[in-house]
Amino acid sequence: MFLLPLEKGGREGFYKDFQTTKVLRHFQLQGCERRKPMSFKEQLDSGKFVVTAELQPPKGIDLSELFEQAKRWKGRLGAINVPDLQGAIMRLGSLSASALLQEKGMEVIYNLSCSNRNRLTLQSELLNAAAFGLKNLLLLQGDPPSIGDHFEAPPVFDLDVMGLLGAAKRLQEGYDLVGNDLKGKPAFFVGTQINAAAQGAQLEAELVNMEKKIREGASFFFAGSIYNPSLLEDFMKKAAHFKTPIIASITLLKSVGMARYISKHVEGASIPDAIIDRLLRAQDKQATSIEIAADLIADVKPLCQGIQIIPIGWENLVIPLLDRVGL
């Protein structure tokens, strides 16, 4: 608390200083309230351009690197997105990582996917998240185990992402998927993923699905990695009437091999030859990756309400990238 020096004059001077200090303290407290970081929902509701980044949980229980990286990002990101067994690689789950990061004062987005859980477990996981105070959800289809490090594990996919959205909606209404009442209902801010690079008939189908997802409770969308901003622009024009925030993903490309693999295996992620050529000519891979990502951010920033940076092991480049683009 800021204290003024006492004026000469005994009690009268002390009383003036005491009253002045009370007024100053009031405004200091008001200022503290105003400076409190906005939640992810508040950021999107305000129309702010939101910056997020993925932070993978560790393959093990040593959390030191997870916490250190989150600390480096604090104050620069609107939220940290915590993947759920991304790529079907066994690691610490999104639930515990999200809860622990939130405990450290981070704004987090908890991810939950359909691939490895039946409807019983999915609903329980949603209640677990609510019990830990997690509000932001990104609900996903998830990756099949066949592409990961436990390829012999059977996939589940008891619910698809539309069914998972419906489950979250019903829980928030106070009952489960078979109609049983809950003793205390959760409250979430729910989002899911879209393919904003879809074209032709696939684009029309994506827009139909987007409308259904909104009806099932989706309040924001993460678009898959953008490599051709003109496709995002076309999608945004057609989706504008939904008036629902869309956040574009930007992946840091490490090599030509990585870019070609993504083009071949990731739906809606065809990488233009111009980007491949830049990677081929790169003398400094990290610098070139930042340049490509910065150019893409400059192109997509006027089109959407935020970006998600996917560093894939190059978490140390997130802040230099944000510095370069002025975010």
C-alpha atoms as a PDB file:
ATOM      1  CA  MET A   1       0.000   0.000   0.000  1.00  0.00           C
ATOM      2  CA  PHE A   2       1.233   3.488  -0.869  1.00  0.00           C
ATOM      3  CA  LEU A   3       1.555   5.706   2.259  1.00  0.00           C
ATOM      4  CA  LEU A   4       1.858   9.482   2.207  1.00  0.00           C
ATOM      5  CA  PRO A   5       4.186  11.169   4.683  1.00  0.00           C
ATOM      6  CA  LEU A   6       2.374  12.709   7.647  1.00  0.00           C
ATOM      7  CA  GLU A   7       1.837  16.422   7.486  1.00  0.00           C
ATOM      8  CA  LYS A   8       2.936  18.491  10.374  1.00  0.00           C
ATOM      9  CA  GLY A   9      -0.041  19.268  12.550  1.00  0.00           C
ATOM     10  CA  GLY A  10      -0.725  16.292  14.772  1.00  0.00           C
ATOM     11  CA  ARG A  11      -4.060  14.520  14.527  1.00  0.00           C
ATOM     12  CA  GLU A  12      -5.426  16.714  11.764  1.00  0.00           C
ATOM     13  CA  GLY A  13      -2.473  15.889   9.523  1.00  0.00           C
ATOM     14  CA  PHE A  14      -2.736  12.191  10.355  1.00  0.00           C
ATOM     15  CA  TYR A  15      -6.477  12.197   9.589  1.00  0.00           C
ATOM     16  CA  LYS A  16      -5.905  13.834   6.173  1.00  0.00           C
ATOM     17  CA  ASP A  17      -3.255  11.268   5.304  1.00  0.00           C
ATOM     18  CA  PHE A  18      -5.447   8.404   6.500  1.00  0.00           C
ATOM     19  CA  GLN A  19      -8.387   9.551   4.366  1.00  0.00           C
ATOM     20  CA  THR A  20      -6.160  10.126   1.330  1.00  0.00           C
ATOM     21  CA  THR A  21      -4.620   6.688   1.731  1.00  0.00           C
ATOM     22  CA  LYS A  22      -8.090   5.115   1.893  1.00  0.00           C
ATOM     23  CA  VAL A  23      -9.026   6.790  -1.397  1.00  0.00           C
ATOM     24  CA  LEU A  24      -5.756   5.741  -3.034  1.00  0.00           C
ATOM     25  CA  ARG A  25      -6.202   2.193  -1.772  1.00  0.00           C
ATOM     26  CA  HIS A  26      -9.697   2.100  -3.284  1.00  0.00           C
ATOM     27  CA  PHE A  27      -8.378   3.066  -6.706  1.00  0.00           C
ATOM     28  CA  GLN A  28      -5.443   0.672  -6.396  1.00  0.00           C
ATOM     29  CA  LEU A  29      -7.866  -2.170  -5.739  1.00  0.00           C
ATOM     30  CA  GLN A  30     -10.044  -1.085  -8.646  1.00  0.00           C
ATOM     31  CA  GLY A  31      -6.956  -1.080 -10.870  1.00  0.00           C
ATOM     32  CA  CYS A  32      -6.000  -4.574  -9.718  1.00  0.00           C
ATOM     33  CA  GLU A  33      -9.440  -5.815 -10.648  1.00  0.00           C
ATOM     34  CA  ARG A  34      -9.161  -4.251 -14.100  1.00  0.00           C
ATOM     35  CA  ARG A  35      -5.738  -5.809 -14.648  1.00  0.00           C
ATOM     36  CA  LYS A  36      -6.903  -9.320 -13.843  1.00  0.00           C
ATOM     37  CA  PRO A  37      -6.263 -11.432 -16.975  1.00  0.00           C
ATOM     38  CA  MET A  38      -9.335 -12.180 -19.030  1.00  0.00           C
ATOM     39  CA  SER A  39     -10.484 -15.757 -19.353  1.00  0.00           C
ATOM     40  CA  PHE A  40     -10.326 -17.409 -22.761  1.00  0.00           C
ATOM     41  CA  LYS A  41     -14.097 -16.949 -23.089  1.00  0.00           C
ATOM     42  CA  GLU A  42     -13.903 -13.282 -22.121  1.00  0.00           C
ATOM     43  CA  GLN A  43     -11.172 -12.714 -24.704  1.00  0.00           C
ATOM     44  CA  LEU A  44     -13.253 -14.228 -27.497  1.00  0.00           C
ATOM     45  CA  ASP A  45     -16.463 -12.533 -26.334  1.00  0.00           C
ATOM     46  CA  SER A  46     -14.686  -9.166 -26.373  1.00  0.00           C
ATOM     47  CA  GLY A  47     -13.625  -9.622 -29.991  1.00  0.00           C
ATOM     48  CA  LYS A  48      -9.945  -9.637 -29.067  1.00  0.00           C
ATOM     49  CA  PHE A  49      -7.501 -11.399 -31.406  1.00  0.00           C
ATOM     50  CA  VAL A  50      -6.479 -14.373 -29.280  1.00  0.00           C
ATOM     51  CA  VAL A  51      -3.076 -16.071 -29.357  1.00  0.00           C
ATOM     52  CA  THR A  52      -2.773 -19.659 -28.123  1.00  0.00           C
ATOM     53  CA  ALA A  53      -0.150 -22.373 -28.429  1.00  0.00           C
ATOM     54  CA  GLU A  54      -0.015 -26.121 -27.951  1.00  0.00           C
ATOM     55  CA  LEU A  55       2.006 -27.487 -25.055  1.00  0.00           C
ATOM     56  CA  GLN A  56       2.435 -31.253 -25.030  1.00  0.00           C
ATOM     57  CA  PRO A  57       2.320 -33.078 -21.688  1.00  0.00           C
ATOM     58  CA  PRO A  58       5.481 -35.125 -21.021  1.00  0.00           C
ATOM     59  CA  LYS A  59       5.950 -38.813 -21.705  1.00  0.00           C
ATOM     60  CA  GLY A  60       6.424 -39.485 -18.003  1.00  0.00           C
ATOM     61  CA  ILE A  61       5.792 -37.595 -14.781  1.00  0.00           C
ATOM     62  CA  ASP A  62       8.682 -35.110 -14.765  1.00  0.00           C
ATOM     63  CA  LEU A  63       6.697 -31.876 -15.062  1.00  0.00           C
ATOM     64  CA  SER A  64       9.582 -29.429 -14.708  1.00  0.00           C
ATOM     65  CA  GLU A  65       9.901 -28.686 -18.425  1.00  0.00           C
ATOM     66  CA  LEU A  66       6.120 -28.355 -18.821  1.00  0.00           C
ATOM     67  CA  PHE A  67       5.948 -25.784 -16.024  1.00  0.00           C
ATOM     68  CA  GLU A  68       9.055 -23.906 -17.163  1.00  0.00           C
ATOM     69  CA  GLN A  69       7.768 -23.566 -20.710  1.00  0.00           C
ATOM     70  CA  ALA A  70       4.336 -22.423 -19.541  1.00  0.00           C
ATOM     71  CA  LYS A  71       6.020 -19.846 -17.308  1.00  0.00           C
ATOM     72  CA  ARG A  72       7.997 -18.485 -20.288  1.00  0.00           C
ATOM     73  CA  TRP A  73       4.774 -18.088 -22.249  1.00  0.00           C
ATOM     74  CA  LYS A  74       2.770 -16.509 -19.435  1.00  0.00           C
ATOM     75  CA  GLY A  75       1.599 -13.031 -20.344  1.00  0.00           C
ATOM     76  CA  ARG A  76       2.116 -13.598 -24.083  1.00  0.00           C
ATOM     77  CA  LEU A  77      -0.638 -16.142 -24.727  1.00  0.00           C
ATOM     78  CA  GLY A  78      -4.369 -15.918 -24.205  1.00  0.00           C
ATOM     79  CA  ALA A  79      -4.442 -19.627 -23.370  1.00  0.00           C
ATOM     80  CA  ILE A  80      -2.360 -22.802 -23.508  1.00  0.00           C
ATOM     81  CA  ASN A  81      -3.911 -25.664 -25.463  1.00  0.00           C
ATOM     82  CA  VAL A  82      -3.101 -29.052 -23.893  1.00  0.00           C
ATOM     83  CA  PRO A  83      -3.367 -31.962 -26.392  1.00  0.00           C
ATOM     84  CA  ASP A  84      -4.898 -35.337 -25.530  1.00  0.00           C
ATOM     85  CA  LEU A  85      -2.656 -38.219 -26.697  1.00  0.00           C
ATOM     86  CA  GLN A  86      -1.949 -36.390 -29.937  1.00  0.00           C
ATOM     87  CA  GLY A  87      -0.677 -38.682 -32.686  1.00  0.00           C
ATOM     88  CA  ALA A  88      -1.790 -41.633 -30.531  1.00  0.00           C
ATOM     89  CA  ILE A  89       1.472 -41.386 -28.578  1.00  0.00           C
ATOM     90  CA  MET A  90       1.181 -42.541 -24.959  1.00  0.00           C
ATOM     91  CA  ARG A  91       1.993 -39.739 -22.522  1.00  0.00           C
ATOM     92  CA  LEU A  92       0.606 -37.869 -19.521  1.00  0.00           C
ATOM     93  CA  GLY A  93      -3.042 -37.028 -20.125  1.00  0.00           C
ATOM     94  CA  SER A  94      -4.468 -33.623 -20.900  1.00  0.00           C
ATOM     95  CA  LEU A  95      -6.671 -33.693 -17.792  1.00  0.00           C
ATOM     96  CA  SER A  96      -3.919 -33.803 -15.176  1.00  0.00           C
ATOM     97  CA  ALA A  97      -1.591 -31.528 -17.176  1.00  0.00           C
ATOM     98  CA  SER A  98      -4.379 -28.959 -17.657  1.00  0.00           C
ATOM     99  CA  ALA A  99      -5.380 -29.035 -13.991  1.00  0.00           C
ATOM    100  CA  LEU A 100      -1.774 -28.631 -12.818  1.00  0.00           C
ATOM    101  CA  LEU A 101      -1.086 -25.774 -15.245  1.00  0.00           C
ATOM    102  CA  GLN A 102      -4.266 -24.017 -14.148  1.00  0.00           C
ATOM    103  CA  GLU A 103      -3.129 -24.437 -10.537  1.00  0.00           C
ATOM    104  CA  LYS A 104       0.023 -22.544 -11.566  1.00  0.00           C
ATOM    105  CA  GLY A 105      -2.115 -19.648 -12.799  1.00  0.00           C
ATOM    106  CA  MET A 106      -2.275 -20.496 -16.521  1.00  0.00           C
ATOM    107  CA  GLU A 107      -5.373 -20.157 -18.703  1.00  0.00           C
ATOM    108  CA  VAL A 108      -5.722 -23.602 -20.276  1.00  0.00           C
ATOM    109  CA  ILE A 109      -7.832 -25.420 -22.844  1.00  0.00           C
ATOM    110  CA  TYR A 110      -8.397 -29.045 -21.833  1.00  0.00           C
ATOM    111  CA  ASN A 111      -8.573 -31.450 -24.798  1.00  0.00           C
ATOM    112  CA  LEU A 112     -10.698 -34.602 -24.798  1.00  0.00           C
ATOM    113  CA  SER A 113     -10.862 -37.043 -27.710  1.00  0.00           C
ATOM    114  CA  CYS A 114     -13.129 -39.949 -28.614  1.00  0.00           C
ATOM    115  CA  SER A 115     -10.511 -42.379 -29.883  1.00  0.00           C
ATOM    116  CA  ASN A 116      -9.649 -44.295 -26.704  1.00  0.00           C
ATOM    117  CA  ARG A 117     -12.704 -43.975 -24.440  1.00  0.00           C
ATOM    118  CA  ASN A 118     -16.270 -45.236 -24.413  1.00  0.00           C
ATOM    119  CA  ARG A 119     -19.228 -43.003 -23.554  1.00  0.00           C
ATOM    120  CA  LEU A 120     -19.103 -43.963 -19.881  1.00  0.00           C
ATOM    121  CA  THR A 121     -15.498 -42.835 -19.526  1.00  0.00           C
ATOM    122  CA  LEU A 122     -15.964 -39.731 -21.683  1.00  0.00           C
ATOM    123  CA  GLN A 123     -18.766 -38.462 -19.456  1.00  0.00           C
ATOM    124  CA  SER A 124     -16.738 -39.247 -16.347  1.00  0.00           C
ATOM    125  CA  GLU A 125     -13.745 -37.365 -17.768  1.00  0.00           C
ATOM    126  CA  LEU A 126     -15.945 -34.323 -18.364  1.00  0.00           C
ATOM    127  CA  LEU A 127     -17.118 -34.425 -14.754  1.00  0.00           C
ATOM    128  CA  ASN A 128     -13.502 -34.866 -13.623  1.00  0.00           C
ATOM    129  CA  ALA A 129     -12.564 -31.735 -15.570  1.00  0.00           C
ATOM    130  CA  ALA A 130     -15.387 -29.768 -13.953  1.00  0.00           C
ATOM    131  CA  ALA A 131     -14.356 -30.992 -10.498  1.00  0.00           C
ATOM    132  CA  PHE A 132     -10.842 -29.616 -11.140  1.00  0.00           C
ATOM    133  CA  GLY A 133     -12.339 -26.271 -12.160  1.00  0.00           C
ATOM    134  CA  LEU A 134     -11.486 -26.596 -15.861  1.00  0.00           C
ATOM    135  CA  LYS A 135     -13.851 -24.524 -18.000  1.00  0.00           C
ATOM    136  CA  ASN A 136     -12.387 -24.481 -21.519  1.00  0.00           C
ATOM    137  CA  LEU A 137     -12.890 -27.681 -23.512  1.00  0.00           C
ATOM    138  CA  LEU A 138     -11.690 -28.655 -26.972  1.00  0.00           C
ATOM    139  CA  LEU A 139     -13.554 -31.816 -27.972  1.00  0.00           C
ATOM    140  CA  LEU A 140     -11.964 -33.861 -30.747  1.00  0.00           C
ATOM    141  CA  GLN A 141     -12.362 -37.038 -32.753  1.00  0.00           C
ATOM    142  CA  GLY A 142      -8.816 -38.081 -31.870  1.00  0.00           C
ATOM    143  CA  ASP A 143      -6.153 -40.138 -33.616  1.00  0.00           C
ATOM    144  CA  PRO A 144      -6.485 -43.917 -34.141  1.00  0.00           C
ATOM    145  CA  PRO A 145      -3.973 -46.018 -32.164  1.00  0.00           C
ATOM    146  CA  SER A 146      -2.722 -47.581 -35.415  1.00  0.00           C
ATOM    147  CA  ILE A 147      -0.656 -44.452 -36.192  1.00  0.00           C
ATOM    148  CA  GLY A 148       0.963 -44.222 -32.758  1.00  0.00           C
ATOM    149  CA  ASP A 149       3.447 -46.032 -30.543  1.00  0.00           C
ATOM    150  CA  HIS A 150       0.901 -48.608 -29.303  1.00  0.00           C
ATOM    151  CA  PHE A 151      -0.402 -49.549 -32.738  1.00  0.00           C
ATOM    152  CA  GLU A 152      -1.787 -52.890 -31.524  1.00  0.00           C
ATOM    153  CA  ALA A 153      -4.236 -51.159 -29.146  1.00  0.00           C
ATOM    154  CA  PRO A 154      -7.881 -51.411 -30.312  1.00  0.00           C
ATOM    155  CA  PRO A 155      -9.570 -48.104 -31.158  1.00  0.00           C
ATOM    156  CA  VAL A 156     -12.794 -47.239 -29.326  1.00  0.00           C
ATOM    157  CA  PHE A 157     -14.658 -44.348 -31.019  1.00  0.00           C
ATOM    158  CA  ASP A 158     -17.843 -45.280 -29.153  1.00  0.00           C
ATOM    159  CA  LEU A 159     -18.962 -41.684 -29.722  1.00  0.00           C
ATOM    160  CA  ASP A 160     -17.909 -39.427 -32.559  1.00  0.00           C
ATOM    161  CA  VAL A 161     -17.154 -35.776 -31.896  1.00  0.00           C
ATOM    162  CA  MET A 162     -20.795 -34.808 -32.503  1.00  0.00           C
ATOM    163  CA  GLY A 163     -21.849 -37.348 -29.876  1.00  0.00           C
ATOM    164  CA  LEU A 164     -19.220 -36.023 -27.462  1.00  0.00           C
ATOM    165  CA  LEU A 165     -20.487 -32.471 -27.951  1.00  0.00           C
ATOM    166  CA  GLY A 166     -23.977 -33.765 -27.197  1.00  0.00           C
ATOM    167  CA  ALA A 167     -22.738 -35.490 -24.044  1.00  0.00           C
ATOM    168  CA  ALA A 168     -21.132 -32.271 -22.784  1.00  0.00           C
ATOM    169  CA  LYS A 169     -24.339 -30.378 -23.534  1.00  0.00           C
ATOM    170  CA  ARG A 170     -26.502 -32.870 -21.636  1.00  0.00           C
ATOM    171  CA  LEU A 171     -24.195 -32.872 -18.618  1.00  0.00           C
ATOM    172  CA  GLN A 172     -24.422 -29.089 -18.484  1.00  0.00           C
ATOM    173  CA  GLU A 173     -28.207 -29.439 -18.533  1.00  0.00           C
ATOM    174  CA  GLY A 174     -27.975 -31.690 -15.484  1.00  0.00           C
ATOM    175  CA  TYR A 175     -28.310 -35.255 -16.746  1.00  0.00           C
ATOM    176  CA  ASP A 176     -26.251 -37.959 -18.438  1.00  0.00           C
ATOM    177  CA  LEU A 177     -26.650 -39.733 -21.769  1.00  0.00           C
ATOM    178  CA  VAL A 178     -29.187 -42.204 -20.399  1.00  0.00           C
ATOM    179  CA  GLY A 179     -31.232 -39.534 -18.653  1.00  0.00           C
ATOM    180  CA  ASN A 180     -30.003 -39.918 -15.076  1.00  0.00           C
ATOM    181  CA  ASP A 181     -29.983 -36.711 -13.038  1.00  0.00           C
ATOM    182  CA  LEU A 182     -26.665 -35.282 -11.884  1.00  0.00           C
ATOM    183  CA  LYS A 183     -25.967 -34.073  -8.381  1.00  0.00           C
ATOM    184  CA  GLY A 184     -24.466 -30.764  -9.412  1.00  0.00           C
ATOM    185  CA  LYS A 185     -24.001 -29.883 -13.078  1.00  0.00           C
ATOM    186  CA  PRO A 186     -20.843 -28.598 -14.784  1.00  0.00           C
ATOM    187  CA  ALA A 187     -20.423 -25.396 -16.787  1.00  0.00           C
ATOM    188  CA  PHE A 188     -18.047 -25.393 -19.747  1.00  0.00           C
ATOM    189  CA  PHE A 189     -16.896 -23.206 -22.632  1.00  0.00           C
ATOM    190  CA  VAL A 190     -16.874 -25.777 -25.427  1.00  0.00           C
ATOM    191  CA  GLY A 191     -15.113 -25.787 -28.772  1.00  0.00           C
ATOM    192  CA  THR A 192     -14.134 -28.282 -31.435  1.00  0.00           C
ATOM    193  CA  GLN A 193     -12.187 -28.537 -34.682  1.00  0.00           C
ATOM    194  CA  ILE A 194     -13.073 -27.765 -38.297  1.00  0.00           C
ATOM    195  CA  ASN A 195     -11.355 -28.265 -41.631  1.00  0.00           C
ATOM    196  CA  ALA A 196     -11.190 -24.716 -42.989  1.00  0.00           C
ATOM    197  CA  ALA A 197      -9.184 -25.887 -46.017  1.00  0.00           C
ATOM    198  CA  ALA A 198     -12.079 -27.953 -47.373  1.00  0.00           C
ATOM    199  CA  GLN A 199     -13.117 -27.298 -50.962  1.00  0.00           C
ATOM    200  CA  GLY A 200     -16.109 -28.030 -53.188  1.00  0.00           C
ATOM    201  CA  ALA A 201     -18.607 -30.567 -51.865  1.00  0.00           C
ATOM    202  CA  GLN A 202     -16.380 -31.205 -48.847  1.00  0.00           C
ATOM    203  CA  LEU A 203     -16.597 -27.512 -47.950  1.00  0.00           C
ATOM    204  CA  GLU A 204     -20.395 -27.587 -48.082  1.00  0.00           C
ATOM    205  CA  ALA A 205     -20.429 -30.693 -45.878  1.00  0.00           C
ATOM    206  CA  GLU A 206     -18.061 -28.996 -43.421  1.00  0.00           C
ATOM    207  CA  LEU A 207     -20.400 -25.999 -43.153  1.00  0.00           C
ATOM    208  CA  VAL A 208     -23.373 -28.296 -42.486  1.00  0.00           C
ATOM    209  CA  ASN A 209     -21.376 -30.057 -39.760  1.00  0.00           C
ATOM    210  CA  MET A 210     -20.321 -26.714 -38.317  1.00  0.00           C
ATOM    211  CA  GLU A 211     -23.957 -25.687 -37.932  1.00  0.00           C
ATOM    212  CA  LYS A 212     -24.770 -29.006 -36.229  1.00  0.00           C
ATOM    213  CA  LYS A 213     -21.816 -28.599 -33.872  1.00  0.00           C
ATOM    214  CA  ILE A 214     -23.017 -25.132 -32.887  1.00  0.00           C
ATOM    215  CA  ARG A 215     -26.455 -26.556 -32.114  1.00  0.00           C
ATOM    216  CA  GLU A 216     -24.745 -29.162 -29.922  1.00  0.00           C
ATOM    217  CA  GLY A 217     -23.001 -26.463 -27.919  1.00  0.00           C
ATOM    218  CA  ALA A 218     -19.787 -25.507 -29.758  1.00  0.00           C
ATOM    219  CA  SER A 219     -18.961 -21.861 -28.979  1.00  0.00           C
ATOM    220  CA  PHE A 220     -15.612 -21.635 -30.803  1.00  0.00           C
ATOM    221  CA  PHE A 221     -13.662 -23.558 -33.442  1.00  0.00           C
ATOM    222  CA  PHE A 222     -10.023 -24.385 -34.038  1.00  0.00           C
ATOM    223  CA  ALA A 223      -9.231 -24.642 -37.736  1.00  0.00           C
ATOM    224  CA  GLY A 224      -6.627 -27.222 -38.721  1.00  0.00           C
ATOM    225  CA  SER A 225      -3.194 -25.959 -39.781  1.00  0.00           C
ATOM    226  CA  ILE A 226      -3.384 -23.294 -42.480  1.00  0.00           C
ATOM    227  CA  TYR A 227      -0.905 -23.318 -45.354  1.00  0.00           C
ATOM    228  CA  ASN A 228      -3.067 -21.702 -48.035  1.00  0.00           C
ATOM    229  CA  PRO A 229      -4.720 -18.550 -46.610  1.00  0.00           C
ATOM    230  CA  SER A 230      -6.973 -18.155 -49.660  1.00  0.00           C
ATOM    231  CA  LEU A 231      -8.800 -21.359 -48.674  1.00  0.00           C
ATOM    232  CA  LEU A 232      -9.328 -19.990 -45.164  1.00  0.00           C
ATOM    233  CA  GLU A 233     -10.628 -16.739 -46.639  1.00  0.00           C
ATOM    234  CA  ASP A 234     -13.178 -18.626 -48.736  1.00  0.00           C
ATOM    235  CA  PHE A 235     -14.274 -20.672 -45.732  1.00  0.00           C
ATOM    236  CA  MET A 236     -14.588 -17.609 -43.490  1.00  0.00           C
ATOM    237  CA  LYS A 237     -16.841 -15.860 -45.997  1.00  0.00           C
ATOM    238  CA  LYS A 238     -19.175 -18.843 -46.138  1.00  0.00           C
ATOM    239  CA  ALA A 239     -19.135 -19.340 -42.341  1.00  0.00           C
ATOM    240  CA  ALA A 240     -19.537 -15.661 -41.404  1.00  0.00           C
ATOM    241  CA  HIS A 241     -23.272 -15.967 -40.711  1.00  0.00           C
ATOM    242  CA  PHE A 242     -22.570 -18.396 -37.848  1.00  0.00           C
ATOM    243  CA  LYS A 243     -20.950 -15.532 -35.911  1.00  0.00           C
ATOM    244  CA  THR A 244     -18.786 -18.036 -34.025  1.00  0.00           C
ATOM    245  CA  PRO A 245     -15.057 -17.416 -33.355  1.00  0.00           C
ATOM    246  CA  ILE A 246     -12.597 -19.377 -35.488  1.00  0.00           C
ATOM    247  CA  ILE A 247      -8.946 -19.744 -34.478  1.00  0.00           C
ATOM    248  CA  ALA A 248      -6.469 -20.693 -37.215  1.00  0.00           C
ATOM    249  CA  SER A 249      -3.647 -23.130 -36.473  1.00  0.00           C
ATOM    250  CA  ILE A 250      -0.097 -22.341 -37.610  1.00  0.00           C
ATOM    251  CA  THR A 251       2.411 -25.209 -37.505  1.00  0.00           C
ATOM    252  CA  LEU A 252       6.156 -24.610 -37.322  1.00  0.00           C
ATOM    253  CA  LEU A 253       7.527 -26.664 -40.213  1.00  0.00           C
ATOM    254  CA  LYS A 254      10.886 -28.230 -39.375  1.00  0.00           C
ATOM    255  CA  SER A 255      11.886 -29.760 -42.691  1.00  0.00           C
ATOM    256  CA  VAL A 256      10.906 -30.673 -46.225  1.00  0.00           C
ATOM    257  CA  GLY A 257      10.280 -34.240 -45.073  1.00  0.00           C
ATOM    258  CA  MET A 258       7.860 -33.059 -42.413  1.00  0.00           C
ATOM    259  CA  ALA A 259       6.034 -30.824 -44.894  1.00  0.00           C
ATOM    260  CA  ARG A 260       5.688 -33.630 -47.430  1.00  0.00           C
ATOM    261  CA  TYR A 261       4.459 -36.053 -44.765  1.00  0.00           C
ATOM    262  CA  ILE A 262       1.791 -33.573 -43.648  1.00  0.00           C
ATOM    263  CA  SER A 263       0.684 -32.986 -47.234  1.00  0.00           C
ATOM    264  CA  LYS A 264       0.311 -36.720 -47.800  1.00  0.00           C
ATOM    265  CA  HIS A 265      -1.230 -37.872 -44.519  1.00  0.00           C
ATOM    266  CA  VAL A 266      -3.096 -34.954 -42.891  1.00  0.00           C
ATOM    267  CA  GLU A 267      -6.575 -34.212 -44.198  1.00  0.00           C
ATOM    268  CA  GLY A 268      -6.962 -30.701 -45.589  1.00  0.00           C
ATOM    269  CA  ALA A 269      -3.275 -29.866 -45.160  1.00  0.00           C
ATOM    270  CA  SER A 270      -1.869 -29.668 -48.679  1.00  0.00           C
ATOM    271  CA  ILE A 271       1.266 -27.520 -48.451  1.00  0.00           C
ATOM    272  CA  PRO A 272       1.948 -25.273 -51.482  1.00  0.00           C
ATOM    273  CA  ASP A 273       5.101 -25.826 -53.527  1.00  0.00           C
ATOM    274  CA  ALA A 274       6.274 -22.295 -52.676  1.00  0.00           C
ATOM    275  CA  ILE A 275       6.574 -23.259 -49.000  1.00  0.00           C
ATOM    276  CA  ILE A 276       8.330 -26.533 -49.891  1.00  0.00           C
ATOM    277  CA  ASP A 277      10.818 -24.553 -52.011  1.00  0.00           C
ATOM    278  CA  ARG A 278      11.573 -22.170 -49.130  1.00  0.00           C
ATOM    279  CA  LEU A 279      12.299 -25.132 -46.873  1.00  0.00           C
ATOM    280  CA  LEU A 280      14.526 -26.704 -49.536  1.00  0.00           C
ATOM    281  CA  ARG A 281      16.576 -23.507 -49.828  1.00  0.00           C
ATOM    282  CA  ALA A 282      16.787 -22.911 -46.074  1.00  0.00           C
ATOM    283  CA  GLN A 283      20.254 -22.284 -44.641  1.00  0.00           C
ATOM    284  CA  ASP A 284      18.841 -21.864 -41.126  1.00  0.00           C
ATOM    285  CA  LYS A 285      15.855 -24.173 -40.574  1.00  0.00           C
ATOM    286  CA  GLN A 286      14.537 -22.432 -37.474  1.00  0.00           C
ATOM    287  CA  ALA A 287      14.800 -18.951 -38.973  1.00  0.00           C
ATOM    288  CA  THR A 288      13.046 -20.120 -42.148  1.00  0.00           C
ATOM    289  CA  SER A 289      10.314 -21.805 -40.113  1.00  0.00           C
ATOM    290  CA  ILE A 290       9.700 -18.548 -38.233  1.00  0.00           C
ATOM    291  CA  GLU A 291       9.624 -16.592 -41.515  1.00  0.00           C
ATOM    292  CA  ILE A 292       7.064 -18.944 -43.076  1.00  0.00           C
ATOM    293  CA  ALA A 293       4.884 -18.920 -39.965  1.00  0.00           C
ATOM    294  CA  ALA A 294       5.103 -15.121 -39.689  1.00  0.00           C
ATOM    295  CA  ASP A 295       4.001 -14.703 -43.304  1.00  0.00           C
ATOM    296  CA  LEU A 296       1.053 -17.051 -42.744  1.00  0.00           C
ATOM    297  CA  ILE A 297       0.033 -15.205 -39.566  1.00  0.00           C
ATOM    298  CA  ALA A 298       0.112 -11.886 -41.431  1.00  0.00           C
ATOM    299  CA  ASP A 299      -2.201 -13.378 -44.075  1.00  0.00           C
ATOM    300  CA  VAL A 300      -4.698 -15.029 -41.705  1.00  0.00           C
ATOM    301  CA  LYS A 301      -4.835 -12.337 -38.995  1.00  0.00           C
ATOM    302  CA  PRO A 302      -7.416 -10.184 -40.830  1.00  0.00           C
ATOM    303  CA  LEU A 303      -9.589 -13.246 -41.499  1.00  0.00           C
ATOM    304  CA  CYS A 304     -10.115 -14.918 -38.116  1.00  0.00           C
ATOM    305  CA  GLN A 305     -10.253 -14.208 -34.393  1.00  0.00           C
ATOM    306  CA  GLY A 306      -7.034 -15.817 -33.299  1.00  0.00           C
ATOM    307  CA  ILE A 307      -4.194 -18.201 -33.958  1.00  0.00           C
ATOM    308  CA  GLN A 308      -2.924 -21.385 -32.401  1.00  0.00           C
ATOM    309  CA  ILE A 309       0.804 -22.000 -32.762  1.00  0.00           C
ATOM    310  CA  ILE A 310       1.735 -25.681 -33.018  1.00  0.00           C
ATOM    311  CA  PRO A 311       5.478 -25.841 -32.268  1.00  0.00           C
ATOM    312  CA  ILE A 312       5.999 -29.649 -32.381  1.00  0.00           C
ATOM    313  CA  GLY A 313       9.134 -29.588 -30.238  1.00  0.00           C
ATOM    314  CA  TRP A 314      10.167 -26.041 -31.117  1.00  0.00           C
ATOM    315  CA  GLU A 315       8.435 -24.429 -28.141  1.00  0.00           C
ATOM    316  CA  ASN A 316      11.454 -22.119 -27.778  1.00  0.00           C
ATOM    317  CA  LEU A 317      10.496 -20.444 -31.081  1.00  0.00           C
ATOM    318  CA  VAL A 318       7.009 -19.359 -30.003  1.00  0.00           C
ATOM    319  CA  ILE A 319       8.107 -16.101 -28.325  1.00  0.00           C
ATOM    320  CA  PRO A 320      10.512 -15.114 -31.159  1.00  0.00           C
ATOM    321  CA  LEU A 321       7.667 -15.732 -33.619  1.00  0.00           C
ATOM    322  CA  LEU A 322       5.268 -13.571 -31.603  1.00  0.00           C
ATOM    323  CA  ASP A 323       7.916 -10.846 -31.384  1.00  0.00           C
ATOM    324  CA  ARG A 324       8.358 -10.934 -35.145  1.00  0.00           C
ATOM    325  CA  VAL A 325       4.645 -10.505 -35.854  1.00  0.00           C
ATOM    326  CA  GLY A 326       4.060  -8.002 -33.058  1.00  0.00           C
ATOM    327  CA  LEU A 327       1.718 -10.106 -30.922  1.00  0.00           C
END
